[in-house]
Amino acid sequence: MLRRLHLFLAFLALAGTLGFGLYSGWSGATGFAIGAAASWWNFRRLHALIDILGTPASTGLPGVLAWMLFRFILLVAGAFVILKLTKISLPAACFGLFLSVGAVVLEAIFNLTYER
């Protein structure tokens, strides 16, 4: 299942980057690609966090909250840089951030359709 999720992430990232590139040029393609990379990174970190949280040696809730706050600060800083310092399309980057959601929806549809 995890392998298929990564395939869906890669497919959606490629399709979205090409689509935004055709629709709004290099700024849209770059914005979507940056958002997709951030979404993929967030997905990987959440997966690792869940694996760590399930072990007996985990730091518990304070460690989880600190890590989530750090990721939020990185996301806000990245959005600020995109908005203020570059010509990259912010809406395209925001669409790219939802890449993980799209991959999970595709995985759910796949499971409902083919794995009975």
Protein backbone atom coordinates (compact mmCIF):
# COMPACT_ATOMS: atom_id res chain seq x y z
CA MET A 1 0.00 0.00 0.00
CA LEU A 2 2.78 2.44 0.85
CA ARG A 3 4.53 1.70 -2.44
CA ARG A 4 1.32 2.44 -4.33
CA LEU A 5 0.89 5.71 -2.43
CA HIS A 6 4.36 6.78 -3.55
CA LEU A 7 3.48 5.90 -7.13
CA PHE A 8 0.29 7.97 -6.89
CA LEU A 9 2.31 10.86 -5.42
CA ALA A 10 4.81 10.69 -8.28
CA PHE A 11 2.06 10.45 -10.92
CA LEU A 12 0.11 13.38 -9.47
CA ALA A 13 3.27 15.47 -9.11
CA LEU A 14 4.22 14.91 -12.74
CA ALA A 15 0.69 15.49 -14.04
CA GLY A 16 0.19 18.60 -11.92
CA THR A 17 3.54 20.09 -12.85
CA LEU A 18 2.86 19.53 -16.55
CA GLY A 19 -0.69 20.85 -16.22
CA PHE A 20 0.32 24.01 -14.40
CA GLY A 21 3.22 24.44 -16.82
CA LEU A 22 0.85 24.39 -19.78
CA TYR A 23 -1.71 26.58 -18.02
CA SER A 24 0.46 29.27 -16.46
CA GLY A 25 4.00 28.76 -17.67
CA TRP A 26 7.17 28.22 -15.71
CA SER A 27 5.97 30.04 -12.59
CA GLY A 28 2.98 27.71 -12.23
CA ALA A 29 5.03 24.59 -12.92
CA THR A 30 7.71 25.64 -10.43
CA GLY A 31 5.13 26.57 -7.81
CA PHE A 32 3.34 23.26 -8.12
CA ALA A 33 6.61 21.32 -8.06
CA ILE A 34 7.71 23.11 -4.88
CA GLY A 35 4.34 22.49 -3.26
CA ALA A 36 4.44 18.84 -4.34
CA ALA A 37 7.93 18.42 -2.90
CA ALA A 38 6.78 19.94 0.39
CA SER A 39 3.75 17.66 0.40
CA TRP A 40 5.89 14.60 -0.26
CA TRP A 41 8.32 15.62 2.50
CA ASN A 42 5.44 16.16 4.91
CA PHE A 43 3.99 12.75 4.02
CA ARG A 44 7.33 11.04 4.65
CA ARG A 45 7.80 12.84 7.96
CA LEU A 46 4.28 11.99 9.14
CA HIS A 47 4.87 8.35 8.26
CA ALA A 48 8.16 8.35 10.19
CA LEU A 49 6.50 10.14 13.11
CA ILE A 50 3.77 7.54 13.33
CA ASP A 51 6.37 4.76 13.25
CA ILE A 52 8.37 6.43 16.03
CA LEU A 53 5.31 7.22 18.14
CA GLY A 54 4.35 3.56 18.19
CA THR A 55 7.66 2.45 19.75
CA PRO A 56 8.15 2.19 23.52
CA ALA A 57 11.10 4.62 23.45
CA SER A 58 9.11 7.50 21.90
CA THR A 59 9.27 10.98 23.44
CA GLY A 60 5.49 11.14 23.62
CA LEU A 61 3.23 14.11 23.12
CA PRO A 62 5.74 16.97 23.81
CA GLY A 63 8.11 15.66 21.15
CA VAL A 64 5.29 15.24 18.64
CA LEU A 65 3.97 18.75 19.29
CA ALA A 66 7.44 20.28 18.96
CA TRP A 67 8.02 18.49 15.66
CA MET A 68 4.63 19.57 14.29
CA LEU A 69 5.31 23.20 15.31
CA PHE A 70 8.70 23.08 13.60
CA ARG A 71 7.15 21.78 10.37
CA PHE A 72 4.47 24.47 10.49
CA ILE A 73 7.11 27.17 10.89
CA LEU A 74 9.03 25.76 7.91
CA LEU A 75 5.86 25.73 5.81
CA VAL A 76 5.01 29.33 6.70
CA ALA A 77 8.57 30.48 6.02
CA GLY A 78 8.54 28.74 2.65
CA ALA A 79 5.21 30.34 1.73
CA PHE A 80 6.56 33.75 2.76
CA VAL A 81 9.62 33.33 0.55
CA ILE A 82 7.45 32.23 -2.37
CA LEU A 83 5.04 35.12 -1.88
CA LYS A 84 7.50 37.96 -1.30
CA LEU A 85 10.78 37.13 -2.96
CA THR A 86 10.01 35.18 -6.12
CA LYS A 87 7.73 35.23 -9.13
CA ILE A 88 6.58 31.68 -8.42
CA SER A 89 2.82 31.19 -8.44
CA LEU A 90 1.52 30.90 -4.88
CA PRO A 91 -1.82 29.32 -5.89
CA ALA A 92 0.04 26.60 -7.80
CA ALA A 93 2.23 25.95 -4.74
CA CYS A 94 -0.88 25.69 -2.57
CA PHE A 95 -2.38 23.16 -4.98
CA GLY A 96 0.87 21.22 -4.79
CA LEU A 97 0.61 21.09 -1.02
CA PHE A 98 -2.57 19.02 -1.38
CA LEU A 99 -0.76 16.34 -3.38
CA SER A 100 -0.75 13.89 -0.45
CA VAL A 101 -4.50 14.27 -0.05
CA GLY A 102 -5.02 13.45 -3.72
CA ALA A 103 -2.77 10.38 -3.45
CA VAL A 104 -4.69 9.11 -0.42
CA VAL A 105 -8.00 9.63 -2.25
CA LEU A 106 -6.67 7.69 -5.25
CA GLU A 107 -5.49 4.92 -2.93
CA ALA A 108 -8.93 4.75 -1.30
CA ILE A 109 -10.62 4.57 -4.71
CA PHE A 110 -8.19 1.86 -5.79
CA ASN A 111 -8.88 -0.16 -2.63
CA LEU A 112 -12.64 0.20 -3.01
CA THR A 113 -12.54 -0.76 -6.67
CA TYR A 114 -9.95 -3.52 -7.00
CA GLU A 115 -9.26 -5.05 -3.61
CA ARG A 116 -12.40 -6.81 -2.46
